[in-house]
PDB file of N, CA and C in Angstrom:
ATOM      1  N   UNK A   1     134.827 121.952 117.700  1.00  0.00           N
ATOM      2  CA  UNK A   1     133.685 122.066 117.741  1.00  0.00           C
ATOM      3  C   UNK A   1     133.218 123.199 118.578  1.00  0.00           C
ATOM      4  N   UNK A   2     132.559 124.100 118.090  1.00  0.00           N
ATOM      5  CA  UNK A   2     131.905 125.189 118.922  1.00  0.00           C
ATOM      6  C   UNK A   2     130.798 124.922 119.692  1.00  0.00           C
ATOM      7  N   UNK A   3     130.742 124.940 121.192  1.00  0.00           N
ATOM      8  CA  UNK A   3     129.939 124.566 121.814  1.00  0.00           C
ATOM      9  C   UNK A   3     129.195 125.736 122.637  1.00  0.00           C
ATOM     10  N   UNK A   4     129.464 126.899 121.992  1.00  0.00           N
ATOM     11  CA  UNK A   4     128.748 128.066 122.478  1.00  0.00           C
ATOM     12  C   UNK A   4     127.471 128.239 122.168  1.00  0.00           C
ATOM     13  N   UNK A   5     126.481 128.533 122.968  1.00  0.00           N
ATOM     14  CA  UNK A   5     124.992 128.911 122.643  1.00  0.00           C
ATOM     15  C   UNK A   5     124.731 129.621 121.563  1.00  0.00           C
ATOM     16  N   UNK A   6     123.857 129.387 120.710  1.00  0.00           N
ATOM     17  CA  UNK A   6     123.653 130.142 119.405  1.00  0.00           C
ATOM     18  C   UNK A   6     122.842 131.271 119.994  1.00  0.00           C
ATOM     19  N   UNK A   7     122.576 132.226 119.308  1.00  0.00           N
ATOM     20  CA  UNK A   7     121.620 133.235 119.657  1.00  0.00           C
ATOM     21  C   UNK A   7     120.012 132.926 119.777  1.00  0.00           C
ATOM     22  N   UNK A   8     119.928 131.734 118.847  1.00  0.00           N
ATOM     23  CA  UNK A   8     118.553 131.307 118.849  1.00  0.00           C
ATOM     24  C   UNK A   8     118.348 130.733 120.358  1.00  0.00           C
ATOM     25  N   UNK A   9     119.400 129.861 120.883  1.00  0.00           N
ATOM     26  CA  UNK A   9     118.986 129.187 122.312  1.00  0.00           C
ATOM     27  C   UNK A   9     119.409 130.352 123.401  1.00  0.00           C
ATOM     28  N   UNK A  10     119.853 131.360 123.029  1.00  0.00           N
ATOM     29  CA  UNK A  10     120.060 132.358 124.369  1.00  0.00           C
ATOM     30  C   UNK A  10     118.885 133.062 124.426  1.00  0.00           C
ATOM     31  N   UNK A  11     118.292 133.464 123.223  1.00  0.00           N
ATOM     32  CA  UNK A  11     116.716 134.063 123.186  1.00  0.00           C
ATOM     33  C   UNK A  11     115.901 133.090 123.671  1.00  0.00           C
ATOM     34  N   UNK A  12     115.952 131.752 123.467  1.00  0.00           N
ATOM     35  CA  UNK A  12     114.900 130.808 124.241  1.00  0.00           C
ATOM     36  C   UNK A  12     115.299 130.938 125.626  1.00  0.00           C
ATOM     37  N   UNK A  13     116.589 130.864 126.214  1.00  0.00           N
ATOM     38  CA  UNK A  13     116.685 130.970 127.721  1.00  0.00           C
ATOM     39  C   UNK A  13     116.078 132.120 128.372  1.00  0.00           C
ATOM     40  N   UNK A  14     115.992 133.367 127.697  1.00  0.00           N
ATOM     41  CA  UNK A  14     115.315 134.623 128.145  1.00  0.00           C
ATOM     42  C   UNK A  14     113.710 134.163 128.508  1.00  0.00           C
ATOM     43  N   UNK A  15     113.349 133.321 127.266  1.00  0.00           N
ATOM     44  CA  UNK A  15     111.885 133.169 127.609  1.00  0.00           C
ATOM     45  C   UNK A  15     111.408 132.023 128.639  1.00  0.00           C
ATOM     46  N   UNK A  16     112.271 131.140 128.453  1.00  0.00           N
ATOM     47  CA  UNK A  16     112.063 129.865 129.625  1.00  0.00           C
ATOM     48  C   UNK A  16     112.388 130.566 130.904  1.00  0.00           C
ATOM     49  N   UNK A  17     111.573 129.678 131.729  1.00  0.00           N
ATOM     50  CA  UNK A  17     111.664 130.166 133.340  1.00  0.00           C
ATOM     51  C   UNK A  17     111.421 128.945 134.098  1.00  0.00           C
ATOM     52  N   UNK A  18     112.042 129.170 135.332  1.00  0.00           N
ATOM     53  CA  UNK A  18     111.898 128.025 136.575  1.00  0.00           C
ATOM     54  C   UNK A  18     111.000 128.434 137.664  1.00  0.00           C
ATOM     55  N   UNK A  19     110.366 127.282 137.746  1.00  0.00           N
ATOM     56  CA  UNK A  19     109.075 127.260 138.891  1.00  0.00           C
ATOM     57  C   UNK A  19     109.792 126.526 140.097  1.00  0.00           C
ATOM     58  N   UNK A  20     109.278 126.550 141.300  1.00  0.00           N
ATOM     59  CA  UNK A  20     109.881 126.030 142.262  1.00  0.00           C
ATOM     60  C   UNK A  20     108.683 124.980 143.000  1.00  0.00           C
ATOM     61  N   UNK A  21     108.944 123.729 142.762  1.00  0.00           N
ATOM     62  CA  UNK A  21     107.995 122.733 143.527  1.00  0.00           C
ATOM     63  C   UNK A  21     108.293 122.552 144.978  1.00  0.00           C
ATOM     64  N   UNK A  22     107.464 123.008 146.138  1.00  0.00           N
ATOM     65  CA  UNK A  22     108.333 122.705 147.464  1.00  0.00           C
ATOM     66  C   UNK A  22     108.164 121.230 147.482  1.00  0.00           C
ATOM     67  N   UNK A  23     108.989 120.890 148.520  1.00  0.00           N
ATOM     68  CA  UNK A  23     109.212 119.512 148.881  1.00  0.00           C
ATOM     69  C   UNK A  23     109.233 119.809 150.455  1.00  0.00           C
ATOM     70  N   UNK A  24     108.069 119.241 151.106  1.00  0.00           N
ATOM     71  CA  UNK A  24     107.991 119.248 152.436  1.00  0.00           C
ATOM     72  C   UNK A  24     108.381 118.047 153.302  1.00  0.00           C
ATOM     73  N   UNK A  25     108.975 118.059 154.442  1.00  0.00           N
ATOM     74  CA  UNK A  25     109.386 117.266 155.408  1.00  0.00           C
ATOM     75  C   UNK A  25     108.007 116.553 156.070  1.00  0.00           C
ATOM     76  N   UNK A  26     107.696 115.243 155.735  1.00  0.00           N
ATOM     77  CA  UNK A  26     106.497 115.017 156.259  1.00  0.00           C
ATOM     78  C   UNK A  26     106.309 114.825 157.578  1.00  0.00           C
ATOM     79  N   UNK A  27     107.453 114.805 158.166  1.00  0.00           N
ATOM     80  CA  UNK A  27     107.656 114.413 159.842  1.00  0.00           C
ATOM     81  C   UNK A  27     107.542 115.883 160.354  1.00  0.00           C
ATOM     82  N   UNK A  28     108.109 117.021 159.869  1.00  0.00           N
ATOM     83  CA  UNK A  28     108.008 118.190 160.370  1.00  0.00           C
ATOM     84  C   UNK A  28     106.972 119.205 160.092  1.00  0.00           C
ATOM     85  N   UNK A  29     106.842 118.774 158.802  1.00  0.00           N
ATOM     86  CA  UNK A  29     105.863 119.856 158.029  1.00  0.00           C
ATOM     87  C   UNK A  29     106.676 121.152 157.453  1.00  0.00           C
ATOM     88  N   UNK A  30     107.850 121.035 157.735  1.00  0.00           N
ATOM     89  CA  UNK A  30     108.745 122.139 157.339  1.00  0.00           C
ATOM     90  C   UNK A  30     109.102 122.032 155.910  1.00  0.00           C
ATOM     91  N   UNK A  31     109.628 122.946 155.131  1.00  0.00           N
ATOM     92  CA  UNK A  31     110.097 123.109 153.852  1.00  0.00           C
ATOM     93  C   UNK A  31     111.584 122.462 153.954  1.00  0.00           C
ATOM     94  N   UNK A  32     111.503 121.358 153.183  1.00  0.00           N
ATOM     95  CA  UNK A  32     113.006 120.554 153.013  1.00  0.00           C
ATOM     96  C   UNK A  32     113.735 121.188 151.772  1.00  0.00           C
ATOM     97  N   UNK A  33     113.181 121.420 150.778  1.00  0.00           N
ATOM     98  CA  UNK A  33     113.734 121.911 149.517  1.00  0.00           C
ATOM     99  C   UNK A  33     112.647 122.276 148.503  1.00  0.00           C
ATOM    100  N   UNK A  34     113.353 122.501 147.369  1.00  0.00           N
ATOM    101  CA  UNK A  34     112.290 123.204 146.064  1.00  0.00           C
ATOM    102  C   UNK A  34     113.001 122.076 144.967  1.00  0.00           C
ATOM    103  N   UNK A  35     112.137 121.709 143.967  1.00  0.00           N
ATOM    104  CA  UNK A  35     112.640 121.160 142.845  1.00  0.00           C
ATOM    105  C   UNK A  35     112.378 122.214 141.788  1.00  0.00           C
ATOM    106  N   UNK A  36     113.523 122.568 140.870  1.00  0.00           N
ATOM    107  CA  UNK A  36     113.540 123.262 139.766  1.00  0.00           C
ATOM    108  C   UNK A  36     112.537 122.818 138.462  1.00  0.00           C
ATOM    109  N   UNK A  37     111.510 123.311 138.026  1.00  0.00           N
ATOM    110  CA  UNK A  37     110.628 122.748 137.034  1.00  0.00           C
ATOM    111  C   UNK A  37     110.731 123.807 135.909  1.00  0.00           C
ATOM    112  N   UNK A  38     111.063 123.262 134.826  1.00  0.00           N
ATOM    113  CA  UNK A  38     111.113 124.159 133.609  1.00  0.00           C
ATOM    114  C   UNK A  38     109.687 124.627 133.056  1.00  0.00           C
ATOM    115  N   UNK A  39     109.594 125.802 132.853  1.00  0.00           N
ATOM    116  CA  UNK A  39     108.366 126.461 132.403  1.00  0.00           C
ATOM    117  C   UNK A  39     108.633 127.387 131.005  1.00  0.00           C
ATOM    118  N   UNK A  40     107.485 127.360 130.162  1.00  0.00           N
ATOM    119  CA  UNK A  40     107.321 128.285 129.193  1.00  0.00           C
ATOM    120  C   UNK A  40     107.805 127.599 128.092  1.00  0.00           C
ATOM    121  N   UNK A  41     108.187 126.330 127.771  1.00  0.00           N
ATOM    122  CA  UNK A  41     108.838 125.722 126.917  1.00  0.00           C
ATOM    123  C   UNK A  41     107.895 125.614 125.661  1.00  0.00           C
ATOM    124  N   UNK A  42     106.672 125.778 125.758  1.00  0.00           N
ATOM    125  CA  UNK A  42     105.612 125.939 124.632  1.00  0.00           C
ATOM    126  C   UNK A  42     105.826 127.169 124.015  1.00  0.00           C
ATOM    127  N   UNK A  43     106.218 128.370 124.683  1.00  0.00           N
ATOM    128  CA  UNK A  43     106.345 129.682 124.152  1.00  0.00           C
ATOM    129  C   UNK A  43     107.518 129.689 123.260  1.00  0.00           C
ATOM    130  N   UNK A  44     108.427 128.765 123.424  1.00  0.00           N
ATOM    131  CA  UNK A  44     109.580 128.495 122.368  1.00  0.00           C
ATOM    132  C   UNK A  44     109.675 127.440 121.621  1.00  0.00           C
ATOM    133  N   UNK A  45     108.214 126.926 121.316  1.00  0.00           N
ATOM    134  CA  UNK A  45     107.952 126.148 120.193  1.00  0.00           C
ATOM    135  C   UNK A  45     107.979 124.573 120.387  1.00  0.00           C
ATOM    136  N   UNK A  46     108.065 124.285 121.368  1.00  0.00           N
ATOM    137  CA  UNK A  46     108.026 122.641 121.751  1.00  0.00           C
ATOM    138  C   UNK A  46     106.889 122.169 122.435  1.00  0.00           C
ATOM    139  N   UNK A  47     106.450 121.118 122.118  1.00  0.00           N
ATOM    140  CA  UNK A  47     105.390 120.210 122.752  1.00  0.00           C
ATOM    141  C   UNK A  47     105.598 119.932 124.002  1.00  0.00           C
ATOM    142  N   UNK A  48     106.524 119.481 124.409  1.00  0.00           N
ATOM    143  CA  UNK A  48     107.177 119.003 125.687  1.00  0.00           C
ATOM    144  C   UNK A  48     108.815 119.579 125.865  1.00  0.00           C
ATOM    145  N   UNK A  49     108.963 119.143 127.291  1.00  0.00           N
ATOM    146  CA  UNK A  49     110.140 119.690 127.775  1.00  0.00           C
ATOM    147  C   UNK A  49     111.226 118.466 127.218  1.00  0.00           C
ATOM    148  N   UNK A  50     110.858 117.221 127.128  1.00  0.00           N
ATOM    149  CA  UNK A  50     111.629 116.421 126.352  1.00  0.00           C
ATOM    150  C   UNK A  50     111.849 116.826 124.820  1.00  0.00           C
ATOM    151  N   UNK A  51     111.026 117.359 124.235  1.00  0.00           N
ATOM    152  CA  UNK A  51     111.560 117.730 122.769  1.00  0.00           C
ATOM    153  C   UNK A  51     112.525 118.816 122.983  1.00  0.00           C
ATOM    154  N   UNK A  52     112.308 119.707 123.904  1.00  0.00           N
ATOM    155  CA  UNK A  52     113.137 120.810 123.884  1.00  0.00           C
ATOM    156  C   UNK A  52     114.495 120.167 124.004  1.00  0.00           C
ATOM    157  N   UNK A  53     114.602 119.310 125.137  1.00  0.00           N
ATOM    158  CA  UNK A  53     115.923 118.930 125.244  1.00  0.00           C
ATOM    159  C   UNK A  53     116.691 117.900 124.021  1.00  0.00           C
ATOM    160  N   UNK A  54     115.777 117.360 123.599  1.00  0.00           N
ATOM    161  CA  UNK A  54     116.094 116.559 122.338  1.00  0.00           C
ATOM    162  C   UNK A  54     116.715 117.437 121.158  1.00  0.00           C
ATOM    163  N   UNK A  55     116.063 118.555 120.978  1.00  0.00           N
ATOM    164  CA  UNK A  55     116.582 119.767 119.993  1.00  0.00           C
ATOM    165  C   UNK A  55     117.960 120.187 120.574  1.00  0.00           C
ATOM    166  N   UNK A  56     118.010 120.476 121.463  1.00  0.00           N
ATOM    167  CA  UNK A  56     119.401 121.041 122.195  1.00  0.00           C
ATOM    168  C   UNK A  56     120.545 120.040 122.004  1.00  0.00           C
ATOM    169  N   UNK A  57     120.305 118.618 122.403  1.00  0.00           N
ATOM    170  CA  UNK A  57     120.870 117.529 122.262  1.00  0.00           C
ATOM    171  C   UNK A  57     121.343 117.355 120.845  1.00  0.00           C
ATOM    172  N   UNK A  58     120.643 117.273 119.883  1.00  0.00           N
ATOM    173  CA  UNK A  58     120.988 117.194 118.461  1.00  0.00           C
ATOM    174  C   UNK A  58     121.953 118.247 118.000  1.00  0.00           C
ATOM    175  N   UNK A  59     121.841 119.573 118.372  1.00  0.00           N
ATOM    176  CA  UNK A  59     122.896 120.509 118.229  1.00  0.00           C
ATOM    177  C   UNK A  59     124.150 120.483 119.112  1.00  0.00           C
ATOM    178  N   UNK A  60     124.229 119.289 119.618  1.00  0.00           N
ATOM    179  CA  UNK A  60     125.365 119.302 120.387  1.00  0.00           C
ATOM    180  C   UNK A  60     125.750 120.547 121.598  1.00  0.00           C
ATOM    181  N   UNK A  61     124.585 120.954 122.107  1.00  0.00           N
ATOM    182  CA  UNK A  61     124.746 122.180 122.932  1.00  0.00           C
ATOM    183  C   UNK A  61     124.011 121.871 124.049  1.00  0.00           C
ATOM    184  N   UNK A  62     123.874 120.661 124.633  1.00  0.00           N
ATOM    185  CA  UNK A  62     123.080 120.161 125.867  1.00  0.00           C
ATOM    186  C   UNK A  62     123.853 120.645 127.043  1.00  0.00           C
ATOM    187  N   UNK A  63     125.335 120.568 127.171  1.00  0.00           N
ATOM    188  CA  UNK A  63     125.752 120.838 128.133  1.00  0.00           C
ATOM    189  C   UNK A  63     125.883 122.385 128.539  1.00  0.00           C
ATOM    190  N   UNK A  64     126.112 122.981 127.284  1.00  0.00           N
ATOM    191  CA  UNK A  64     126.139 124.422 127.287  1.00  0.00           C
ATOM    192  C   UNK A  64     124.894 124.968 127.894  1.00  0.00           C
ATOM    193  N   UNK A  65     123.860 124.471 127.510  1.00  0.00           N
ATOM    194  CA  UNK A  65     122.454 124.843 127.609  1.00  0.00           C
ATOM    195  C   UNK A  65     122.090 124.761 129.060  1.00  0.00           C
ATOM    196  N   UNK A  66     122.436 123.442 129.410  1.00  0.00           N
ATOM    197  CA  UNK A  66     122.125 122.838 130.872  1.00  0.00           C
ATOM    198  C   UNK A  66     122.812 123.924 131.907  1.00  0.00           C
ATOM    199  N   UNK A  67     124.064 124.437 131.659  1.00  0.00           N
ATOM    200  CA  UNK A  67     124.915 125.123 132.426  1.00  0.00           C
ATOM    201  C   UNK A  67     124.122 126.502 132.316  1.00  0.00           C
ATOM    202  N   UNK A  68     123.476 126.872 131.535  1.00  0.00           N
ATOM    203  CA  UNK A  68     123.087 128.426 131.234  1.00  0.00           C
ATOM    204  C   UNK A  68     121.475 128.161 132.126  1.00  0.00           C
ATOM    205  N   UNK A  69     120.852 127.231 131.815  1.00  0.00           N
ATOM    206  CA  UNK A  69     119.584 127.119 132.692  1.00  0.00           C
ATOM    207  C   UNK A  69     120.008 126.596 134.128  1.00  0.00           C
ATOM    208  N   UNK A  70     121.018 126.046 134.622  1.00  0.00           N
ATOM    209  CA  UNK A  70     121.261 125.750 135.896  1.00  0.00           C
ATOM    210  C   UNK A  70     121.679 127.191 136.709  1.00  0.00           C
ATOM    211  N   UNK A  71     122.305 128.095 135.828  1.00  0.00           N
ATOM    212  CA  UNK A  71     122.698 129.305 136.409  1.00  0.00           C
ATOM    213  C   UNK A  71     121.338 130.291 136.666  1.00  0.00           C
ATOM    214  N   UNK A  72     120.532 130.033 135.765  1.00  0.00           N
ATOM    215  CA  UNK A  72     119.174 130.832 135.732  1.00  0.00           C
ATOM    216  C   UNK A  72     118.567 130.394 137.110  1.00  0.00           C
ATOM    217  N   UNK A  73     118.493 128.783 137.164  1.00  0.00           N
ATOM    218  CA  UNK A  73     117.702 128.195 138.252  1.00  0.00           C
ATOM    219  C   UNK A  73     118.338 128.710 139.717  1.00  0.00           C
ATOM    220  N   UNK A  74     119.508 128.606 139.744  1.00  0.00           N
ATOM    221  CA  UNK A  74     120.315 129.221 140.992  1.00  0.00           C
ATOM    222  C   UNK A  74     120.068 130.650 141.186  1.00  0.00           C
ATOM    223  N   UNK A  75     120.200 131.427 140.322  1.00  0.00           N
ATOM    224  CA  UNK A  75     119.728 132.887 140.515  1.00  0.00           C
ATOM    225  C   UNK A  75     118.517 133.091 141.154  1.00  0.00           C
ATOM    226  N   UNK A  76     117.474 132.419 140.574  1.00  0.00           N
ATOM    227  CA  UNK A  76     116.094 132.502 141.097  1.00  0.00           C
ATOM    228  C   UNK A  76     116.029 132.031 142.384  1.00  0.00           C
ATOM    229  N   UNK A  77     116.713 130.892 142.642  1.00  0.00           N
ATOM    230  CA  UNK A  77     116.576 129.854 143.865  1.00  0.00           C
ATOM    231  C   UNK A  77     117.123 130.899 145.043  1.00  0.00           C
ATOM    232  N   UNK A  78     118.173 131.700 144.937  1.00  0.00           N
ATOM    233  CA  UNK A  78     118.841 132.446 145.804  1.00  0.00           C
ATOM    234  C   UNK A  78     117.978 133.488 146.340  1.00  0.00           C
ATOM    235  N   UNK A  79     116.808 133.928 145.550  1.00  0.00           N
ATOM    236  CA  UNK A  79     115.714 135.075 145.881  1.00  0.00           C
ATOM    237  C   UNK A  79     114.803 134.685 146.737  1.00  0.00           C
ATOM    238  N   UNK A  80     114.780 133.115 147.189  1.00  0.00           N
ATOM    239  CA  UNK A  80     113.992 132.894 148.075  1.00  0.00           C
ATOM    240  C   UNK A  80     114.401 132.789 149.506  1.00  0.00           C
ATOM    241  N   UNK A  81     113.572 133.516 150.363  1.00  0.00           N
ATOM    242  CA  UNK A  81     114.011 134.190 151.528  1.00  0.00           C
ATOM    243  C   UNK A  81     114.789 132.939 152.414  1.00  0.00           C
ATOM    244  N   UNK A  82     114.355 131.774 152.552  1.00  0.00           N
ATOM    245  CA  UNK A  82     115.271 130.909 153.266  1.00  0.00           C
ATOM    246  C   UNK A  82     116.007 129.844 152.574  1.00  0.00           C
ATOM    247  N   UNK A  83     116.553 130.430 151.161  1.00  0.00           N
ATOM    248  CA  UNK A  83     117.425 129.646 150.452  1.00  0.00           C
ATOM    249  C   UNK A  83     118.473 128.630 151.104  1.00  0.00           C
ATOM    250  N   UNK A  84     119.262 129.450 152.051  1.00  0.00           N
ATOM    251  CA  UNK A  84     120.090 128.937 152.898  1.00  0.00           C
ATOM    252  C   UNK A  84     119.952 127.605 153.710  1.00  0.00           C
ATOM    253  N   UNK A  85     118.653 127.565 154.036  1.00  0.00           N
ATOM    254  CA  UNK A  85     118.319 126.416 154.896  1.00  0.00           C
ATOM    255  C   UNK A  85     117.691 125.384 154.223  1.00  0.00           C
ATOM    256  N   UNK A  86     117.464 125.398 152.708  1.00  0.00           N
ATOM    257  CA  UNK A  86     116.823 124.387 152.192  1.00  0.00           C
ATOM    258  C   UNK A  86     117.608 123.672 150.769  1.00  0.00           C
ATOM    259  N   UNK A  87     117.451 122.526 150.395  1.00  0.00           N
ATOM    260  CA  UNK A  87     118.041 122.235 149.159  1.00  0.00           C
ATOM    261  C   UNK A  87     117.115 122.321 148.010  1.00  0.00           C
ATOM    262  N   UNK A  88     118.109 122.610 146.878  1.00  0.00           N
ATOM    263  CA  UNK A  88     117.720 122.758 145.472  1.00  0.00           C
ATOM    264  C   UNK A  88     117.753 121.472 144.743  1.00  0.00           C
ATOM    265  N   UNK A  89     116.547 120.907 144.405  1.00  0.00           N
ATOM    266  CA  UNK A  89     116.603 119.811 143.439  1.00  0.00           C
ATOM    267  C   UNK A  89     116.552 120.086 141.985  1.00  0.00           C
ATOM    268  N   UNK A  90     117.740 119.657 141.138  1.00  0.00           N
ATOM    269  CA  UNK A  90     117.734 120.256 139.596  1.00  0.00           C
ATOM    270  C   UNK A  90     117.825 118.984 138.968  1.00  0.00           C
ATOM    271  N   UNK A  91     116.763 118.928 138.036  1.00  0.00           N
ATOM    272  CA  UNK A  91     116.604 117.523 137.091  1.00  0.00           C
ATOM    273  C   UNK A  91     117.777 117.829 136.016  1.00  0.00           C
ATOM    274  N   UNK A  92     118.464 116.763 135.726  1.00  0.00           N
ATOM    275  CA  UNK A  92     119.593 116.772 134.960  1.00  0.00           C
ATOM    276  C   UNK A  92     119.463 115.812 133.896  1.00  0.00           C
ATOM    277  N   UNK A  93     119.689 116.071 132.537  1.00  0.00           N
ATOM    278  CA  UNK A  93     119.487 115.249 131.666  1.00  0.00           C
ATOM    279  C   UNK A  93     120.803 114.500 131.501  1.00  0.00           C
ATOM    280  N   UNK A  94     121.064 113.298 131.670  1.00  0.00           N
ATOM    281  CA  UNK A  94     122.231 112.495 131.665  1.00  0.00           C
ATOM    282  C   UNK A  94     122.939 112.446 130.348  1.00  0.00           C
ATOM    283  N   UNK A  95     122.440 112.994 129.315  1.00  0.00           N
ATOM    284  CA  UNK A  95     123.055 113.117 128.051  1.00  0.00           C
ATOM    285  C   UNK A  95     124.089 114.241 127.945  1.00  0.00           C
ATOM    286  N   UNK A  96     124.253 115.116 129.110  1.00  0.00           N
ATOM    287  CA  UNK A  96     125.111 115.965 129.106  1.00  0.00           C
ATOM    288  C   UNK A  96     126.603 115.199 129.313  1.00  0.00           C
ATOM    289  N   UNK A  97     126.517 114.120 129.787  1.00  0.00           N
ATOM    290  CA  UNK A  97     127.935 113.493 130.000  1.00  0.00           C
ATOM    291  C   UNK A  97     128.399 113.177 128.509  1.00  0.00           C
ATOM    292  N   UNK A  98     127.704 112.875 127.300  1.00  0.00           N
ATOM    293  CA  UNK A  98     128.089 112.778 126.181  1.00  0.00           C
ATOM    294  C   UNK A  98     128.640 113.990 125.434  1.00  0.00           C
ATOM    295  N   UNK A  99     128.227 115.075 125.867  1.00  0.00           N
ATOM    296  CA  UNK A  99     128.891 116.261 125.190  1.00  0.00           C
ATOM    297  C   UNK A  99     130.460 116.546 125.338  1.00  0.00           C
ATOM    298  N   UNK A 100     130.817 117.013 124.184  1.00  0.00           N
ATOM    299  CA  UNK A 100     132.481 116.956 124.232  1.00  0.00           C
ATOM    300  C   UNK A 100     133.082 117.946 125.100  1.00  0.00           C
ATOM    301  N   UNK A 101     132.178 118.921 125.621  1.00  0.00           N
ATOM    302  CA  UNK A 101     132.592 120.320 126.592  1.00  0.00           C
ATOM    303  C   UNK A 101     132.248 119.867 127.873  1.00  0.00           C
ATOM    304  N   UNK A 102     131.551 118.479 127.989  1.00  0.00           N
ATOM    305  CA  UNK A 102     131.127 118.415 129.505  1.00  0.00           C
ATOM    306  C   UNK A 102     132.603 118.420 130.561  1.00  0.00           C
ATOM    307  N   UNK A 103     132.406 118.891 131.532  1.00  0.00           N
ATOM    308  CA  UNK A 103     133.291 119.031 132.531  1.00  0.00           C
ATOM    309  C   UNK A 103     132.788 118.706 133.928  1.00  0.00           C
ATOM    310  N   UNK A 104     133.323 117.734 134.734  1.00  0.00           N
ATOM    311  CA  UNK A 104     132.933 117.308 136.013  1.00  0.00           C
ATOM    312  C   UNK A 104     132.874 118.437 136.982  1.00  0.00           C
ATOM    313  N   UNK A 105     132.320 118.580 138.027  1.00  0.00           N
ATOM    314  CA  UNK A 105     132.453 119.459 139.142  1.00  0.00           C
ATOM    315  C   UNK A 105     131.947 120.995 138.875  1.00  0.00           C
ATOM    316  N   UNK A 106     131.053 121.139 137.797  1.00  0.00           N
ATOM    317  CA  UNK A 106     130.727 122.471 137.512  1.00  0.00           C
ATOM    318  C   UNK A 106     129.445 122.757 138.397  1.00  0.00           C
ATOM    319  N   UNK A 107     128.352 121.823 139.048  1.00  0.00           N
ATOM    320  CA  UNK A 107     127.639 121.899 140.025  1.00  0.00           C
ATOM    321  C   UNK A 107     128.409 122.544 141.231  1.00  0.00           C
ATOM    322  N   UNK A 108     129.397 122.446 141.598  1.00  0.00           N
ATOM    323  CA  UNK A 108     130.288 122.901 142.795  1.00  0.00           C
ATOM    324  C   UNK A 108     130.430 124.262 142.396  1.00  0.00           C
ATOM    325  N   UNK A 109     131.100 124.427 141.190  1.00  0.00           N
ATOM    326  CA  UNK A 109     131.482 125.829 140.779  1.00  0.00           C
ATOM    327  C   UNK A 109     130.449 126.822 140.841  1.00  0.00           C
ATOM    328  N   UNK A 110     129.221 126.381 140.157  1.00  0.00           N
ATOM    329  CA  UNK A 110     128.182 127.153 140.174  1.00  0.00           C
ATOM    330  C   UNK A 110     127.665 127.576 141.721  1.00  0.00           C
ATOM    331  N   UNK A 111     127.411 126.452 142.530  1.00  0.00           N
ATOM    332  CA  UNK A 111     127.301 126.849 143.799  1.00  0.00           C
ATOM    333  C   UNK A 111     128.058 127.862 144.820  1.00  0.00           C
ATOM    334  N   UNK A 112     129.169 127.713 144.432  1.00  0.00           N
ATOM    335  CA  UNK A 112     130.319 128.523 145.111  1.00  0.00           C
ATOM    336  C   UNK A 112     130.027 129.943 144.518  1.00  0.00           C
ATOM    337  N   UNK A 113     129.768 130.093 143.254  1.00  0.00           N
ATOM    338  CA  UNK A 113     129.373 131.576 142.642  1.00  0.00           C
ATOM    339  C   UNK A 113     128.120 131.744 143.004  1.00  0.00           C
ATOM    340  N   UNK A 114     127.086 131.233 142.997  1.00  0.00           N
ATOM    341  CA  UNK A 114     126.007 131.681 143.689  1.00  0.00           C
ATOM    342  C   UNK A 114     125.786 131.815 145.183  1.00  0.00           C
ATOM    343  N   UNK A 115     126.332 131.064 146.079  1.00  0.00           N
ATOM    344  CA  UNK A 115     126.128 131.219 147.490  1.00  0.00           C
ATOM    345  C   UNK A 115     127.499 131.760 148.314  1.00  0.00           C
ATOM    346  N   UNK A 116     128.696 131.988 147.362  1.00  0.00           N
ATOM    347  CA  UNK A 116     129.945 132.250 148.058  1.00  0.00           C
ATOM    348  C   UNK A 116     130.569 131.175 148.425  1.00  0.00           C
ATOM    349  N   UNK A 117     130.000 130.073 148.722  1.00  0.00           N
ATOM    350  CA  UNK A 117     130.447 128.771 149.253  1.00  0.00           C
ATOM    351  C   UNK A 117     129.771 127.743 148.988  1.00  0.00           C
ATOM    352  N   UNK A 118     130.149 126.347 148.829  1.00  0.00           N
ATOM    353  CA  UNK A 118     129.466 125.336 148.368  1.00  0.00           C
ATOM    354  C   UNK A 118     128.137 125.015 149.212  1.00  0.00           C
ATOM    355  N   UNK A 119     127.296 124.669 148.879  1.00  0.00           N
ATOM    356  CA  UNK A 119     125.847 124.481 149.219  1.00  0.00           C
ATOM    357  C   UNK A 119     125.328 123.209 149.110  1.00  0.00           C
ATOM    358  N   UNK A 120     124.121 122.989 149.042  1.00  0.00           N
ATOM    359  CA  UNK A 120     123.531 121.730 149.124  1.00  0.00           C
ATOM    360  C   UNK A 120     122.491 121.329 147.741  1.00  0.00           C
ATOM    361  N   UNK A 121     122.970 121.504 146.482  1.00  0.00           N
ATOM    362  CA  UNK A 121     122.385 121.346 145.354  1.00  0.00           C
ATOM    363  C   UNK A 121     122.249 119.964 145.023  1.00  0.00           C
ATOM    364  N   UNK A 122     121.220 119.217 144.677  1.00  0.00           N
ATOM    365  CA  UNK A 122     121.228 117.943 144.267  1.00  0.00           C
ATOM    366  C   UNK A 122     120.899 117.785 142.841  1.00  0.00           C
ATOM    367  N   UNK A 123     121.342 117.177 141.819  1.00  0.00           N
ATOM    368  CA  UNK A 123     121.082 116.998 140.620  1.00  0.00           C
ATOM    369  C   UNK A 123     120.732 115.464 140.308  1.00  0.00           C
ATOM    370  N   UNK A 124     119.629 115.508 139.490  1.00  0.00           N
ATOM    371  CA  UNK A 124     119.066 114.237 139.673  1.00  0.00           C
ATOM    372  C   UNK A 124     118.753 113.914 137.932  1.00  0.00           C
ATOM    373  N   UNK A 125     118.846 112.972 137.454  1.00  0.00           N
ATOM    374  CA  UNK A 125     118.825 112.572 136.023  1.00  0.00           C
ATOM    375  C   UNK A 125     117.380 112.474 135.875  1.00  0.00           C
ATOM    376  N   UNK A 126     116.995 112.852 134.480  1.00  0.00           N
ATOM    377  CA  UNK A 126     115.686 113.020 133.979  1.00  0.00           C
ATOM    378  C   UNK A 126     115.355 111.564 133.495  1.00  0.00           C
ATOM    379  N   UNK A 127     116.320 110.381 133.369  1.00  0.00           N
ATOM    380  CA  UNK A 127     116.118 109.357 132.733  1.00  0.00           C
ATOM    381  C   UNK A 127     116.106 109.387 131.318  1.00  0.00           C
ATOM    382  N   UNK A 128     116.682 110.314 130.642  1.00  0.00           N
ATOM    383  CA  UNK A 128     116.647 110.032 129.127  1.00  0.00           C
ATOM    384  C   UNK A 128     117.857 109.279 128.708  1.00  0.00           C
TER     385      UNK A 128
END
């Protein structure tokens, strides 16, 4: 089975964006990290983020889509001036584990590519 993203999903990825919600340390008042939040899902024809991920999942492209979205988030994250001193929290649809092209350890590979070394990205399940 081909798990490469179709042109349709590549085009959607160009429109989709990531916004960062700051996470503040309540004891020090300093920035602890940022949570990557998906934006513009309505602009690609979905009523919710869950509907978008359901559509990608049904096409068996969820893992490939997640990798491309993760790379986009990491690229934008590294534009934050203090990114090396804060954590990135990335919500993960746990159905990626069901995809036949799933490969463990890709978070580490993408971090090394983005930072030149392993950093501190946290992936959390969306509960899907």
